[in-house]
Protein backbone atom coordinates (compact mmCIF):
# COMPACT_ATOMS: atom_id res chain seq x y z
CA MET A 1 136.98 124.34 53.77
CA ILE A 2 136.42 122.93 57.58
CA SER A 3 139.04 123.52 59.54
CA ARG A 4 141.39 121.24 62.01
CA LEU A 5 139.48 123.42 64.73
CA ASP A 6 135.86 122.81 63.15
CA LYS A 7 136.78 118.99 63.00
CA LYS A 8 137.94 118.82 66.12
CA GLN A 9 135.04 120.42 68.11
CA LYS A 10 132.28 118.00 65.85
CA ARG A 11 134.24 114.91 67.28
CA LYS A 12 134.36 116.53 70.87
CA LYS A 13 130.82 117.16 70.56
CA LYS A 14 129.69 113.37 68.86
CA LYS A 15 131.48 112.41 71.44
CA TRP A 16 129.54 113.64 74.36
CA VAL A 17 126.01 113.19 72.64
CA LYS A 18 127.42 109.17 72.65
CA VAL A 19 128.28 109.40 76.56
CA LEU A 20 124.49 111.11 76.80
CA LEU A 21 123.17 108.53 74.86
CA ILE A 22 125.29 105.92 77.27
CA VAL A 23 124.01 107.63 80.43
CA ILE A 24 120.00 107.28 79.02
CA LEU A 25 120.15 104.00 78.10
CA LEU A 26 121.57 102.84 81.53
CA LEU A 27 119.57 105.36 83.30
CA PHE A 28 116.61 102.97 81.85
CA ILE A 29 118.03 99.76 82.33
CA ALA A 30 118.51 101.02 86.25
CA VAL A 31 114.77 102.06 85.95
CA GLY A 32 113.27 99.04 84.55
CA THR A 33 115.49 96.82 86.66
CA TYR A 34 114.20 98.75 90.14
CA ALA A 35 110.84 98.32 88.32
CA PHE A 36 111.14 94.79 87.67
CA THR A 37 112.33 94.60 91.29
CA VAL A 38 109.73 96.22 92.85
CA TYR A 39 107.19 94.48 90.71
CA ARG A 40 109.01 90.69 91.33
CA SER A 41 109.32 91.89 95.29
CA LEU A 42 105.16 93.11 95.55
CA THR A 43 104.13 89.73 93.99
CA ASN A 44 105.83 87.41 96.24
CA ALA A 45 104.55 89.22 99.05
CA VAL A 46 100.98 89.05 97.72
CA ASP A 47 101.47 85.40 97.11
CA THR A 48 102.39 85.06 100.97
CA MET A 49 99.74 87.06 101.81
CA HIS A 50 96.66 85.91 100.07
CA ALA A 51 94.51 83.13 102.22
CA PRO A 52 91.18 82.74 100.24
CA ILE A 53 88.41 81.35 101.80
CA ASP A 54 85.82 78.72 100.91
CA ARG A 55 83.32 80.86 99.55
CA GLU A 56 82.02 82.95 96.21
CA LYS A 57 80.59 85.57 97.88
CA SER A 58 78.98 86.67 100.95
CA GLU A 59 75.20 84.75 101.53
CA LYS A 60 73.82 88.31 102.43
CA ARG A 61 74.99 89.18 98.38
CA THR A 62 73.10 87.81 95.61
CA GLU A 63 75.69 88.68 92.71
CA GLN A 64 79.34 89.03 93.46
CA VAL A 65 80.47 92.38 93.95
CA ASP A 66 82.14 93.50 90.33
CA LEU A 67 85.42 95.39 91.07
CA GLU A 68 86.24 96.39 87.56
CA LYS A 69 83.06 98.04 87.61
CA ALA A 70 83.62 100.02 90.57
CA GLN A 71 80.90 98.89 92.84
CA PRO A 72 81.31 99.77 96.08
CA PHE A 73 82.50 97.08 98.92
CA SER A 74 82.93 95.95 102.42
CA VAL A 75 86.24 94.95 104.36
CA LEU A 76 86.46 93.49 107.51
CA LEU A 77 89.97 94.71 109.03
CA LEU A 78 90.97 91.95 111.53
CA GLY A 79 94.16 93.07 114.00
CA VAL A 80 94.80 89.86 115.77
CA ASP A 81 97.04 89.41 118.37
CA GLU A 82 98.70 85.68 117.41
CA ARG A 83 101.63 84.23 119.06
CA GLU A 84 103.27 80.96 118.69
CA GLY A 85 100.83 77.31 119.54
CA ASP A 86 97.53 79.95 120.22
CA ARG A 87 95.48 81.28 117.61
CA GLY A 88 94.93 84.41 119.34
CA ARG A 89 91.85 86.86 119.69
CA SER A 90 90.92 89.87 117.25
CA ASP A 91 91.81 92.62 119.62
CA THR A 92 90.55 95.03 116.28
CA MET A 93 87.45 94.70 114.12
CA ILE A 94 87.13 97.56 111.49
CA VAL A 95 84.18 97.36 108.82
CA LEU A 96 85.27 99.30 105.63
CA ALA A 97 82.60 100.57 103.58
CA VAL A 98 84.44 101.84 100.54
CA ASN A 99 82.63 103.55 97.46
CA PRO A 100 84.55 105.23 94.97
CA SER A 101 81.75 107.02 93.56
CA LYS A 102 81.18 108.77 96.80
CA ASN A 103 85.19 109.39 97.11
CA SER A 104 84.84 108.09 100.52
CA VAL A 105 84.93 105.78 102.62
CA LYS A 106 82.93 104.61 105.94
CA MET A 107 85.17 103.08 108.89
CA LEU A 108 83.36 101.66 111.56
CA SER A 109 85.46 99.79 114.60
CA ILE A 110 83.36 97.42 116.59
CA PRO A 111 84.09 97.31 120.50
CA ARG A 112 85.66 93.99 121.53
CA ASP A 113 83.48 93.47 124.28
CA SER A 114 80.03 93.52 122.15
CA ARG A 115 77.99 91.00 123.45
CA THR A 116 76.59 88.98 120.21
CA GLU A 117 75.51 85.37 118.94
CA ILE A 118 79.17 83.40 117.72
CA ILE A 119 77.97 81.77 114.42
CA GLY A 120 78.94 78.60 113.74
CA LYS A 121 79.86 78.31 117.27
CA GLY A 122 76.49 78.70 118.82
CA THR A 123 76.80 80.68 122.03
CA THR A 124 76.58 84.70 122.90
CA ASP A 125 79.84 85.80 123.94
CA LYS A 126 82.26 88.61 123.23
CA ILE A 127 83.14 89.56 119.38
CA ASN A 128 86.35 88.93 119.52
CA HIS A 129 86.24 85.43 120.44
CA ALA A 130 84.38 84.17 116.90
CA TYR A 131 88.72 84.45 115.48
CA ALA A 132 89.71 82.47 118.55
CA PHE A 133 86.95 79.92 117.87
CA GLY A 134 86.62 79.68 114.24
CA GLY A 135 89.19 81.82 112.79
CA VAL A 136 88.64 84.27 109.91
CA GLU A 137 85.50 82.38 108.26
CA MET A 138 83.82 82.74 111.96
CA SER A 139 84.83 86.58 112.34
CA ILE A 140 83.31 87.21 109.39
CA ALA A 141 79.68 85.11 109.57
CA THR A 142 79.63 86.80 112.72
CA VAL A 143 79.91 90.66 111.84
CA GLU A 144 77.86 89.89 109.19
CA ASN A 145 75.05 88.50 111.44
CA PHE A 146 75.94 91.44 114.05
CA LEU A 147 75.32 94.23 110.92
CA ASP A 148 72.98 92.25 108.91
CA LEU A 149 75.29 93.48 106.08
CA PRO A 150 77.62 91.58 103.82
CA ILE A 151 81.37 91.03 104.09
CA ASP A 152 82.91 90.93 101.11
CA HIS A 153 86.45 90.36 102.09
CA TYR A 154 89.05 90.46 104.77
CA VAL A 155 92.71 91.92 106.03
CA GLN A 156 94.28 90.44 108.96
CA ILE A 157 97.33 91.75 110.48
CA ASN A 158 99.40 90.01 113.03
CA MET A 159 99.20 92.76 115.40
CA GLU A 160 102.76 91.10 116.83
CA GLY A 161 104.10 92.43 113.43
CA PHE A 162 102.66 95.14 113.08
CA GLN A 163 105.61 96.81 114.55
CA ASP A 164 107.85 95.54 111.59
CA ILE A 165 105.64 97.50 109.11
CA VAL A 166 105.64 100.73 111.11
CA ASN A 167 109.73 100.36 110.80
CA ALA A 168 109.62 99.58 107.23
CA VAL A 169 107.76 103.30 106.31
CA GLY A 170 110.20 104.37 108.16
CA GLY A 171 107.77 105.02 111.80
CA VAL A 172 104.72 107.07 111.75
CA THR A 173 103.45 110.28 113.48
CA VAL A 174 100.36 111.04 115.36
CA GLN A 175 98.40 113.14 117.69
CA ASN A 176 98.25 112.37 120.98
CA ASP A 177 95.42 113.60 123.36
CA LEU A 178 95.68 112.28 126.39
CA ASP A 179 98.74 111.88 128.18
CA PHE A 180 99.72 108.57 129.73
CA THR A 181 102.55 105.90 130.11
CA TYR A 182 101.96 102.46 129.03
CA GLU A 183 104.58 99.27 130.03
CA GLY A 184 107.36 101.82 130.79
CA THR A 185 107.65 104.34 128.12
CA HIS A 186 105.59 108.16 128.26
CA PHE A 187 103.16 109.17 125.84
CA PRO A 188 103.23 112.90 125.99
CA GLU A 189 99.95 115.17 124.85
CA GLY A 190 101.08 116.62 121.24
CA GLU A 191 102.48 115.33 117.52
CA LEU A 192 104.47 112.20 118.51
CA SER A 193 107.07 110.41 116.17
CA LEU A 194 106.94 106.92 116.61
CA ASP A 195 108.78 103.76 115.45
CA GLY A 196 107.30 100.18 115.67
CA THR A 197 107.88 98.93 119.12
CA LYS A 198 106.26 102.44 120.43
CA ALA A 199 103.27 102.58 118.05
CA LEU A 200 102.46 99.00 119.13
CA LYS A 201 102.12 100.49 122.55
CA TYR A 202 100.04 103.39 121.64
CA SER A 203 97.64 101.46 119.84
CA ARG A 204 97.36 98.50 122.80
CA MET A 205 96.54 100.97 125.94
CA ARG A 206 92.91 101.23 127.35
CA TYR A 207 92.82 100.63 130.98
CA GLU A 208 94.18 104.00 131.72
CA ASP A 209 92.00 105.84 129.31
CA PRO A 210 88.64 107.24 130.80
CA ARG A 211 87.32 106.10 127.18
CA GLY A 212 88.24 102.89 127.28
CA ASP A 213 88.39 100.46 124.37
CA PHE A 214 86.87 103.22 122.55
CA GLY A 215 89.71 104.98 123.31
CA ARG A 216 92.44 102.37 122.11
CA GLN A 217 90.09 102.03 118.21
CA GLN A 218 90.77 106.03 117.82
CA ARG A 219 94.70 105.33 118.43
CA GLN A 220 94.28 102.21 116.61
CA ARG A 221 92.34 103.92 113.07
CA GLN A 222 95.44 107.02 113.75
CA ILE A 223 98.50 104.81 113.67
CA ILE A 224 96.43 102.95 109.90
CA LYS A 225 95.57 105.97 108.66
CA ALA A 226 99.24 107.22 109.21
CA ILE A 227 100.58 103.61 108.02
CA ILE A 228 98.76 104.45 104.77
CA ASP A 229 100.05 107.88 104.41
CA GLU A 230 103.73 106.75 105.11
CA GLY A 231 103.50 103.98 102.67
CA ALA A 232 102.22 106.26 99.76
CA SER A 233 105.05 108.89 100.04
CA LEU A 234 107.47 108.66 97.68
CA ASN A 235 110.67 108.39 100.24
CA THR A 236 109.50 105.29 101.37
CA LEU A 237 110.09 103.26 97.50
CA THR A 238 113.59 102.77 98.96
CA ASN A 239 112.64 100.89 101.47
CA PHE A 240 110.46 98.54 99.61
CA GLY A 241 111.92 95.16 99.92
CA ASP A 242 111.53 96.03 103.77
CA ILE A 243 108.07 96.99 103.11
CA PHE A 244 107.15 93.89 101.72
CA THR A 245 108.64 91.97 103.39
CA ALA A 246 106.55 93.28 106.77
CA LEU A 247 103.79 92.67 104.74
CA GLY A 248 104.17 89.60 103.61
CA GLN A 249 105.06 87.91 107.12
CA ASN A 250 102.28 89.71 108.77
CA VAL A 251 99.00 90.31 106.52
CA LYS A 252 96.62 88.09 105.65
CA THR A 253 93.95 88.80 102.51
CA ASP A 254 91.57 86.79 100.44
CA LEU A 255 92.22 89.58 97.77
CA SER A 256 94.25 88.47 94.80
CA PHE A 257 97.20 90.53 93.50
CA ASP A 258 94.77 91.34 90.23
CA GLN A 259 91.78 92.60 92.45
CA MET A 260 94.24 94.65 94.83
CA VAL A 261 95.62 96.02 91.63
CA THR A 262 92.10 96.67 90.28
CA ILE A 263 90.97 98.85 93.48
CA GLN A 264 94.31 100.85 93.59
CA SER A 265 93.14 101.74 89.87
CA LYS A 266 89.70 102.00 90.56
CA TYR A 267 89.21 102.87 93.94
CA ARG A 268 91.53 105.44 94.64
CA THR A 269 89.46 108.18 95.27
CA ALA A 270 87.58 106.63 97.99
CA ALA A 271 90.68 107.40 100.28
CA LYS A 272 89.99 111.38 99.71
CA GLU A 273 87.55 110.52 102.81
CA ILE A 274 87.48 108.24 105.64
CA GLU A 275 84.70 108.83 108.19
CA GLN A 276 84.27 107.23 111.70
CA VAL A 277 81.27 105.74 112.81
CA THR A 278 81.12 104.82 116.46
CA VAL A 279 79.15 102.08 117.97
CA ASN A 280 76.89 103.06 120.75
CA GLY A 281 76.30 100.81 123.72
CA GLN A 282 75.84 100.17 127.59
CA GLY A 283 78.38 98.51 129.55
CA THR A 284 77.43 95.77 132.18
CA LYS A 285 78.32 92.33 133.80
CA ILE A 286 77.14 89.45 132.81
CA ASP A 287 78.52 86.33 135.42
CA GLY A 288 81.33 88.79 136.36
CA ILE A 289 82.31 89.15 132.86
CA TYR A 290 82.42 92.85 131.19
CA TYR A 291 80.54 92.88 128.36
CA LEU A 292 79.06 95.61 125.76
CA GLN A 293 75.56 95.56 125.19
CA VAL A 294 74.53 96.98 121.87
CA SER A 295 70.82 97.42 121.19
CA ASN A 296 69.16 96.05 118.09
CA GLU A 297 67.89 99.92 117.43
CA GLU A 298 71.92 101.03 117.52
CA LYS A 299 72.65 97.95 115.35
CA SER A 300 70.01 98.99 113.32
CA ARG A 301 71.22 102.64 112.81
CA LEU A 302 74.64 101.57 111.57
CA THR A 303 73.08 99.09 108.77
CA SER A 304 71.42 101.63 107.66
CA ILE A 305 75.07 103.94 107.70
CA LEU A 306 76.79 101.28 105.90
CA GLU A 307 74.02 99.61 103.86
CA GLU A 308 73.19 103.38 102.38
CA HIS A 309 77.19 103.73 101.66
CA LEU A 310 77.24 100.17 100.11
CA GLU A 311 74.39 101.73 97.42
CA LEU A 312 72.44 98.15 99.13
CA ASP A 313 69.24 100.47 99.95
CA GLU A 314 68.85 100.95 96.46
């Protein structure tokens, strides 16, 4: 015969089981709501970012890259100083050759002063002027001609809003190899923790650097890599709203949401190794204006490196 105490203990046990089930149910609802909110914020940001260009594929390709098959592809990263009423210039031009089968990315920073033909303008000028003359389309066409290489996609970042992205991920940490002061802010050698304002200053200085634009490019690559590292950390998930808002307001790309999902799924291993490729050139002045002259031999060397990584030489 079951005693009154046993019945009481059973009722108490059932009560705690019921409470536990309710807590688990609420947890699943909370996680589901959070996931839906994240998804909605992400898709809204991507819709704002999406800015396709008028072409199916690069004219330097016979067939369009199939991302579903994880084929290697290239991206032109444009860092643009865009102010109100002024299209601005692309102070940063980086070509990424992404190859998941090799688990690596080749990163080529093109010096802004590189002298080349501006495709669609009919002039020879600094390569970063292509954006001022004809926006993303002219920049892509000019870089394709400069390297004799297809550019499959582009990502444009507004450098004026660059600091918003850094702040959204909670700041970045970099290793500084040059002691300098820029616009009233001192950057000592060693490990630095930077907020958005300091990160923007850090990535812009070049005149105090004996390496000139090459030194600035190195710092810009540091900041970009640090943003990626911070953005991939679990800690920043709580700031997803700020991150997606910052991206939506300051980034434009021809990549669709579905393409981004495919890249995240099939190209993730490519980020394991990012190898930097350096452009060698000779500084010169023409009519009092400084240019970097890149020889045909050097351009051929760069093209061969990227072609091999994109498997275009096969």
